[in-house]
């Protein structure tokens, strides 16, 4: 099934360094959008490198992705 433009899905997002019970449910169009929305809305504590890693799980499918977000540049990359 393909996703139509503008359609949102439900994601569970949490900072990688915290327990899953701290996850937030967000409705966004993509995994990346959910990761960025989580950081923008929650302002979780970050390390000395001003980066944060977040785990994004699509609620409907259970698929997960990890993203590392550089808070200085706004760049988002997969966790390695």
PDB file of N, CA and C in Angstrom:
ATOM      1  N   UNK A   1       0.850  -1.171   0.000  1.00  0.00           N
ATOM      2  CA  UNK A   1       0.000   0.000   0.000  1.00  0.00           C
ATOM      3  C   UNK A   1       0.896   1.235   0.000  1.00  0.00           C
ATOM      4  N   UNK A   2       0.634   2.140  -0.908  1.00  0.00           N
ATOM      5  CA  UNK A   2       1.423   3.365  -0.974  1.00  0.00           C
ATOM      6  C   UNK A   2       0.763   4.459  -0.160  1.00  0.00           C
ATOM      7  N   UNK A   3       1.587   5.347   0.313  1.00  0.00           N
ATOM      8  CA  UNK A   3       1.120   6.452   1.146  1.00  0.00           C
ATOM      9  C   UNK A   3       0.854   7.654   0.253  1.00  0.00           C
ATOM     10  N   UNK A   4      -0.304   8.272   0.377  1.00  0.00           N
ATOM     11  CA  UNK A   4      -0.612   9.444  -0.423  1.00  0.00           C
ATOM     12  C   UNK A   4       0.054  10.679   0.178  1.00  0.00           C
ATOM     13  N   UNK A   5       0.256  11.679  -0.672  1.00  0.00           N
ATOM     14  CA  UNK A   5       0.911  12.914  -0.231  1.00  0.00           C
ATOM     15  C   UNK A   5       0.131  13.563   0.896  1.00  0.00           C
ATOM     16  N   UNK A   6       0.835  13.999   1.922  1.00  0.00           N
ATOM     17  CA  UNK A   6       0.221  14.675   3.043  1.00  0.00           C
ATOM     18  C   UNK A   6      -0.343  13.752   4.106  1.00  0.00           C
ATOM     19  N   UNK A   7      -0.339  12.458   3.854  1.00  0.00           N
ATOM     20  CA  UNK A   7      -0.861  11.503   4.835  1.00  0.00           C
ATOM     21  C   UNK A   7       0.106  11.375   6.006  1.00  0.00           C
ATOM     22  N   UNK A   8      -0.434  11.318   7.207  1.00  0.00           N
ATOM     23  CA  UNK A   8       0.421  11.155   8.371  1.00  0.00           C
ATOM     24  C   UNK A   8       0.244   9.765   8.960  1.00  0.00           C
ATOM     25  N   UNK A   9       1.272   9.348   9.686  1.00  0.00           N
ATOM     26  CA  UNK A   9       1.255   8.070  10.392  1.00  0.00           C
ATOM     27  C   UNK A   9       1.603   8.345  11.844  1.00  0.00           C
ATOM     28  N   UNK A  10       1.304   7.399  12.702  1.00  0.00           N
ATOM     29  CA  UNK A  10       1.594   7.568  14.123  1.00  0.00           C
ATOM     30  C   UNK A  10       2.942   6.930  14.445  1.00  0.00           C
ATOM     31  N   UNK A  11       3.777   7.691  15.151  1.00  0.00           N
ATOM     32  CA  UNK A  11       5.101   7.245  15.545  1.00  0.00           C
ATOM     33  C   UNK A  11       5.274   7.389  17.045  1.00  0.00           C
ATOM     34  N   UNK A  12       6.015   6.462  17.614  1.00  0.00           N
ATOM     35  CA  UNK A  12       6.445   6.545  19.003  1.00  0.00           C
ATOM     36  C   UNK A  12       7.913   6.938  18.961  1.00  0.00           C
ATOM     37  N   UNK A  13       8.266   8.042  19.598  1.00  0.00           N
ATOM     38  CA  UNK A  13       9.625   8.575  19.520  1.00  0.00           C
ATOM     39  C   UNK A  13      10.166   8.793  20.927  1.00  0.00           C
ATOM     40  N   UNK A  14      11.435   8.403  21.118  1.00  0.00           N
ATOM     41  CA  UNK A  14      12.081   8.624  22.414  1.00  0.00           C
ATOM     42  C   UNK A  14      13.569   8.878  22.178  1.00  0.00           C
ATOM     43  N   UNK A  15      14.172   9.571  23.133  1.00  0.00           N
ATOM     44  CA  UNK A  15      15.620   9.737  23.091  1.00  0.00           C
ATOM     45  C   UNK A  15      16.261   8.371  23.329  1.00  0.00           C
ATOM     46  N   UNK A  16      17.320   8.081  22.637  1.00  0.00           N
ATOM     47  CA  UNK A  16      17.970   6.764  22.710  1.00  0.00           C
ATOM     48  C   UNK A  16      18.467   6.434  24.122  1.00  0.00           C
ATOM     49  N   UNK A  17      18.859   7.435  24.878  1.00  0.00           N
ATOM     50  CA  UNK A  17      19.462   7.202  26.189  1.00  0.00           C
ATOM     51  C   UNK A  17      18.434   7.127  27.323  1.00  0.00           C
ATOM     52  N   UNK A  18      17.131   7.171  27.019  1.00  0.00           N
ATOM     53  CA  UNK A  18      16.109   7.068  28.060  1.00  0.00           C
ATOM     54  C   UNK A  18      15.223   5.850  27.815  1.00  0.00           C
ATOM     55  N   UNK A  19      14.518   5.409  28.846  1.00  0.00           N
ATOM     56  CA  UNK A  19      13.648   4.247  28.743  1.00  0.00           C
ATOM     57  C   UNK A  19      12.459   4.521  27.825  1.00  0.00           C
ATOM     58  N   UNK A  20      11.911   3.423  27.283  1.00  0.00           N
ATOM     59  CA  UNK A  20      10.817   3.558  26.320  1.00  0.00           C
ATOM     60  C   UNK A  20       9.549   4.159  26.926  1.00  0.00           C
ATOM     61  N   UNK A  21       9.392   4.103  28.249  1.00  0.00           N
ATOM     62  CA  UNK A  21       8.184   4.692  28.820  1.00  0.00           C
ATOM     63  C   UNK A  21       8.202   6.225  28.749  1.00  0.00           C
ATOM     64  N   UNK A  22       9.312   6.816  28.300  1.00  0.00           N
ATOM     65  CA  UNK A  22       9.392   8.257  28.099  1.00  0.00           C
ATOM     66  C   UNK A  22       9.076   8.648  26.656  1.00  0.00           C
ATOM     67  N   UNK A  23       8.588   7.701  25.867  1.00  0.00           N
ATOM     68  CA  UNK A  23       8.290   7.962  24.460  1.00  0.00           C
ATOM     69  C   UNK A  23       7.084   8.892  24.324  1.00  0.00           C
ATOM     70  N   UNK A  24       7.066   9.613  23.218  1.00  0.00           N
ATOM     71  CA  UNK A  24       5.937  10.482  22.885  1.00  0.00           C
ATOM     72  C   UNK A  24       5.300   9.968  21.603  1.00  0.00           C
ATOM     73  N   UNK A  25       3.988  10.011  21.507  1.00  0.00           N
ATOM     74  CA  UNK A  25       3.288   9.651  20.279  1.00  0.00           C
ATOM     75  C   UNK A  25       3.117  10.900  19.432  1.00  0.00           C
ATOM     76  N   UNK A  26       3.538  10.802  18.180  1.00  0.00           N
ATOM     77  CA  UNK A  26       3.455  11.924  17.251  1.00  0.00           C
ATOM     78  C   UNK A  26       2.853  11.457  15.938  1.00  0.00           C
ATOM     79  N   UNK A  27       2.147  12.330  15.266  1.00  0.00           N
ATOM     80  CA  UNK A  27       1.631  12.039  13.932  1.00  0.00           C
ATOM     81  C   UNK A  27       2.394  12.905  12.944  1.00  0.00           C
ATOM     82  N   UNK A  28       3.125  12.242  12.060  1.00  0.00           N
ATOM     83  CA  UNK A  28       3.958  12.929  11.069  1.00  0.00           C
ATOM     84  C   UNK A  28       3.931  12.145   9.761  1.00  0.00           C
ATOM     85  N   UNK A  29       4.492  12.721   8.724  1.00  0.00           N
ATOM     86  CA  UNK A  29       4.497  12.100   7.407  1.00  0.00           C
ATOM     87  C   UNK A  29       5.624  11.085   7.223  1.00  0.00           C
ATOM     88  N   UNK A  30       6.700  11.184   8.031  1.00  0.00           N
ATOM     89  CA  UNK A  30       7.843  10.293   7.838  1.00  0.00           C
ATOM     90  C   UNK A  30       8.575  10.072   9.161  1.00  0.00           C
ATOM     91  N   UNK A  31       9.459   9.072   9.146  1.00  0.00           N
ATOM     92  CA  UNK A  31      10.300   8.796  10.317  1.00  0.00           C
ATOM     93  C   UNK A  31      11.135  10.029  10.657  1.00  0.00           C
ATOM     94  N   UNK A  32      11.736  10.645   9.628  1.00  0.00           N
ATOM     95  CA  UNK A  32      12.602  11.800   9.844  1.00  0.00           C
ATOM     96  C   UNK A  32      11.831  12.977  10.434  1.00  0.00           C
ATOM     97  N   UNK A  33      10.636  13.220   9.916  1.00  0.00           N
ATOM     98  CA  UNK A  33       9.817  14.323  10.417  1.00  0.00           C
ATOM     99  C   UNK A  33       9.440  14.094  11.879  1.00  0.00           C
ATOM    100  N   UNK A  34       9.164  12.846  12.244  1.00  0.00           N
ATOM    101  CA  UNK A  34       8.833  12.523  13.630  1.00  0.00           C
ATOM    102  C   UNK A  34      10.029  12.765  14.542  1.00  0.00           C
ATOM    103  N   UNK A  35      11.231  12.401  14.080  1.00  0.00           N
ATOM    104  CA  UNK A  35      12.444  12.610  14.879  1.00  0.00           C
ATOM    105  C   UNK A  35      12.670  14.095  15.140  1.00  0.00           C
ATOM    106  N   UNK A  36      12.555  14.902  14.113  1.00  0.00           N
ATOM    107  CA  UNK A  36      12.776  16.343  14.246  1.00  0.00           C
ATOM    108  C   UNK A  36      11.694  16.976  15.122  1.00  0.00           C
ATOM    109  N   UNK A  37      10.442  16.577  14.929  1.00  0.00           N
ATOM    110  CA  UNK A  37       9.343  17.127  15.731  1.00  0.00           C
ATOM    111  C   UNK A  37       9.536  16.811  17.211  1.00  0.00           C
ATOM    112  N   UNK A  38      10.007  15.615  17.519  1.00  0.00           N
ATOM    113  CA  UNK A  38      10.259  15.227  18.909  1.00  0.00           C
ATOM    114  C   UNK A  38      11.282  16.166  19.550  1.00  0.00           C
ATOM    115  N   UNK A  39      12.387  16.390  18.849  1.00  0.00           N
ATOM    116  CA  UNK A  39      13.451  17.242  19.393  1.00  0.00           C
ATOM    117  C   UNK A  39      12.980  18.692  19.509  1.00  0.00           C
ATOM    118  N   UNK A  40      12.252  19.178  18.513  1.00  0.00           N
ATOM    119  CA  UNK A  40      11.762  20.560  18.555  1.00  0.00           C
ATOM    120  C   UNK A  40      10.765  20.775  19.689  1.00  0.00           C
ATOM    121  N   UNK A  41       9.889  19.803  19.908  1.00  0.00           N
ATOM    122  CA  UNK A  41       8.843  19.953  20.919  1.00  0.00           C
ATOM    123  C   UNK A  41       9.335  19.696  22.336  1.00  0.00           C
ATOM    124  N   UNK A  42      10.229  18.730  22.493  1.00  0.00           N
ATOM    125  CA  UNK A  42      10.584  18.280  23.832  1.00  0.00           C
ATOM    126  C   UNK A  42      11.853  18.886  24.395  1.00  0.00           C
ATOM    127  N   UNK A  43      12.773  19.288  23.546  1.00  0.00           N
ATOM    128  CA  UNK A  43      14.054  19.827  23.987  1.00  0.00           C
ATOM    129  C   UNK A  43      14.713  18.922  25.028  1.00  0.00           C
ATOM    130  N   UNK A  44      14.940  17.639  24.684  1.00  0.00           N
ATOM    131  CA  UNK A  44      15.556  16.729  25.652  1.00  0.00           C
ATOM    132  C   UNK A  44      16.995  17.127  25.952  1.00  0.00           C
ATOM    133  N   UNK A  45      17.519  16.715  27.099  1.00  0.00           N
ATOM    134  CA  UNK A  45      18.916  17.032  27.418  1.00  0.00           C
ATOM    135  C   UNK A  45      19.863  16.368  26.422  1.00  0.00           C
ATOM    136  N   UNK A  46      20.933  17.064  26.093  1.00  0.00           N
ATOM    137  CA  UNK A  46      21.893  16.560  25.110  1.00  0.00           C
ATOM    138  C   UNK A  46      23.282  16.479  25.722  1.00  0.00           C
ATOM    139  N   UNK A  47      24.181  15.782  25.025  1.00  0.00           N
ATOM    140  CA  UNK A  47      25.555  15.627  25.490  1.00  0.00           C
ATOM    141  C   UNK A  47      26.414  16.819  25.119  1.00  0.00           C
ATOM    142  N   UNK A  48      27.686  16.704  25.412  1.00  0.00           N
ATOM    143  CA  UNK A  48      28.640  17.778  25.147  1.00  0.00           C
ATOM    144  C   UNK A  48      28.806  18.082  23.661  1.00  0.00           C
ATOM    145  N   UNK A  49      28.541  17.088  22.797  1.00  0.00           N
ATOM    146  CA  UNK A  49      28.707  17.281  21.361  1.00  0.00           C
ATOM    147  C   UNK A  49      27.498  17.947  20.712  1.00  0.00           C
ATOM    148  N   UNK A  50      26.480  18.305  21.510  1.00  0.00           N
ATOM    149  CA  UNK A  50      25.258  18.961  21.052  1.00  0.00           C
ATOM    150  C   UNK A  50      24.527  18.132  19.999  1.00  0.00           C
ATOM    151  N   UNK A  51      24.554  16.814  20.187  1.00  0.00           N
ATOM    152  CA  UNK A  51      23.818  15.879  19.341  1.00  0.00           C
ATOM    153  C   UNK A  51      22.913  15.043  20.224  1.00  0.00           C
ATOM    154  N   UNK A  52      21.856  14.540  19.613  1.00  0.00           N
ATOM    155  CA  UNK A  52      20.972  13.621  20.313  1.00  0.00           C
ATOM    156  C   UNK A  52      20.585  12.506  19.352  1.00  0.00           C
ATOM    157  N   UNK A  53      20.459  11.316  19.884  1.00  0.00           N
ATOM    158  CA  UNK A  53      19.992  10.178  19.096  1.00  0.00           C
ATOM    159  C   UNK A  53      18.591   9.827  19.567  1.00  0.00           C
ATOM    160  N   UNK A  54      17.710   9.619  18.606  1.00  0.00           N
ATOM    161  CA  UNK A  54      16.334   9.266  18.927  1.00  0.00           C
ATOM    162  C   UNK A  54      15.938   7.985  18.198  1.00  0.00           C
ATOM    163  N   UNK A  55      15.083   7.207  18.855  1.00  0.00           N
ATOM    164  CA  UNK A  55      14.529   5.988  18.274  1.00  0.00           C
ATOM    165  C   UNK A  55      13.102   6.316  17.847  1.00  0.00           C
ATOM    166  N   UNK A  56      12.802   6.066  16.577  1.00  0.00           N
ATOM    167  CA  UNK A  56      11.477   6.331  16.029  1.00  0.00           C
ATOM    168  C   UNK A  56      10.866   4.997  15.610  1.00  0.00           C
ATOM    169  N   UNK A  57       9.694   4.665  16.183  1.00  0.00           N
ATOM    170  CA  UNK A  57       9.004   3.426  15.844  1.00  0.00           C
ATOM    171  C   UNK A  57       7.644   3.766  15.262  1.00  0.00           C
ATOM    172  N   UNK A  58       7.372   3.237  14.073  1.00  0.00           N
ATOM    173  CA  UNK A  58       6.054   3.418  13.479  1.00  0.00           C
ATOM    174  C   UNK A  58       5.083   2.500  14.208  1.00  0.00           C
ATOM    175  N   UNK A  59       4.054   3.061  14.800  1.00  0.00           N
ATOM    176  CA  UNK A  59       3.134   2.302  15.642  1.00  0.00           C
ATOM    177  C   UNK A  59       2.419   1.210  14.840  1.00  0.00           C
ATOM    178  N   UNK A  60       1.982   1.516  13.635  1.00  0.00           N
ATOM    179  CA  UNK A  60       1.212   0.570  12.837  1.00  0.00           C
ATOM    180  C   UNK A  60       1.978  -0.648  12.377  1.00  0.00           C
ATOM    181  N   UNK A  61       3.285  -0.504  12.141  1.00  0.00           N
ATOM    182  CA  UNK A  61       4.078  -1.615  11.600  1.00  0.00           C
ATOM    183  C   UNK A  61       5.117  -2.150  12.569  1.00  0.00           C
ATOM    184  N   UNK A  62       5.509  -1.342  13.550  1.00  0.00           N
ATOM    185  CA  UNK A  62       6.561  -1.738  14.478  1.00  0.00           C
ATOM    186  C   UNK A  62       7.963  -1.497  13.939  1.00  0.00           C
ATOM    187  N   UNK A  63       8.089  -0.976  12.712  1.00  0.00           N
ATOM    188  CA  UNK A  63       9.418  -0.683  12.153  1.00  0.00           C
ATOM    189  C   UNK A  63      10.065   0.442  12.942  1.00  0.00           C
ATOM    190  N   UNK A  64      11.370   0.293  13.197  1.00  0.00           N
ATOM    191  CA  UNK A  64      12.120   1.290  13.956  1.00  0.00           C
ATOM    192  C   UNK A  64      13.308   1.812  13.168  1.00  0.00           C
ATOM    193  N   UNK A  65      13.609   3.072  13.402  1.00  0.00           N
ATOM    194  CA  UNK A  65      14.810   3.702  12.860  1.00  0.00           C
ATOM    195  C   UNK A  65      15.431   4.544  13.966  1.00  0.00           C
ATOM    196  N   UNK A  66      16.746   4.654  13.935  1.00  0.00           N
ATOM    197  CA  UNK A  66      17.474   5.495  14.878  1.00  0.00           C
ATOM    198  C   UNK A  66      18.090   6.648  14.097  1.00  0.00           C
ATOM    199  N   UNK A  67      17.931   7.860  14.622  1.00  0.00           N
ATOM    200  CA  UNK A  67      18.485   9.044  13.983  1.00  0.00           C
ATOM    201  C   UNK A  67      19.349   9.813  14.970  1.00  0.00           C
ATOM    202  N   UNK A  68      20.448  10.343  14.461  1.00  0.00           N
ATOM    203  CA  UNK A  68      21.335  11.222  15.222  1.00  0.00           C
ATOM    204  C   UNK A  68      21.101  12.631  14.673  1.00  0.00           C
ATOM    205  N   UNK A  69      20.763  13.555  15.546  1.00  0.00           N
ATOM    206  CA  UNK A  69      20.448  14.917  15.121  1.00  0.00           C
ATOM    207  C   UNK A  69      21.465  15.873  15.721  1.00  0.00           C
ATOM    208  N   UNK A  70      22.129  16.626  14.858  1.00  0.00           N
ATOM    209  CA  UNK A  70      23.079  17.649  15.276  1.00  0.00           C
ATOM    210  C   UNK A  70      22.287  18.921  15.536  1.00  0.00           C
ATOM    211  N   UNK A  71      22.248  19.346  16.783  1.00  0.00           N
ATOM    212  CA  UNK A  71      21.427  20.499  17.144  1.00  0.00           C
ATOM    213  C   UNK A  71      22.030  21.824  16.700  1.00  0.00           C
ATOM    214  N   UNK A  72      23.307  21.842  16.345  1.00  0.00           N
ATOM    215  CA  UNK A  72      23.921  23.068  15.842  1.00  0.00           C
ATOM    216  C   UNK A  72      23.547  23.295  14.364  1.00  0.00           C
ATOM    217  N   UNK A  73      23.671  22.235  13.560  1.00  0.00           N
ATOM    218  CA  UNK A  73      23.441  22.366  12.126  1.00  0.00           C
ATOM    219  C   UNK A  73      22.038  21.943  11.692  1.00  0.00           C
ATOM    220  N   UNK A  74      21.362  21.137  12.517  1.00  0.00           N
ATOM    221  CA  UNK A  74      20.055  20.616  12.129  1.00  0.00           C
ATOM    222  C   UNK A  74      20.127  19.369  11.263  1.00  0.00           C
ATOM    223  N   UNK A  75      21.355  18.907  10.976  1.00  0.00           N
ATOM    224  CA  UNK A  75      21.512  17.706  10.151  1.00  0.00           C
ATOM    225  C   UNK A  75      21.010  16.480  10.873  1.00  0.00           C
ATOM    226  N   UNK A  76      20.358  15.605  10.110  1.00  0.00           N
ATOM    227  CA  UNK A  76      19.852  14.343  10.639  1.00  0.00           C
ATOM    228  C   UNK A  76      20.480  13.214   9.849  1.00  0.00           C
ATOM    229  N   UNK A  77      21.001  12.205  10.562  1.00  0.00           N
ATOM    230  CA  UNK A  77      21.622  11.047   9.914  1.00  0.00           C
ATOM    231  C   UNK A  77      21.225   9.794  10.690  1.00  0.00           C
ATOM    232  N   UNK A  78      21.308   8.658  10.009  1.00  0.00           N
ATOM    233  CA  UNK A  78      21.044   7.392  10.686  1.00  0.00           C
ATOM    234  C   UNK A  78      22.116   7.137  11.736  1.00  0.00           C
ATOM    235  N   UNK A  79      21.724   6.506  12.833  1.00  0.00           N
ATOM    236  CA  UNK A  79      22.715   6.117  13.844  1.00  0.00           C
ATOM    237  C   UNK A  79      23.616   5.046  13.242  1.00  0.00           C
ATOM    238  N   UNK A  80      24.864   5.074  13.613  1.00  0.00           N
ATOM    239  CA  UNK A  80      25.794   4.118  13.032  1.00  0.00           C
ATOM    240  C   UNK A  80      26.344   3.120  13.974  1.00  0.00           C
TER     241      UNK A  80
END
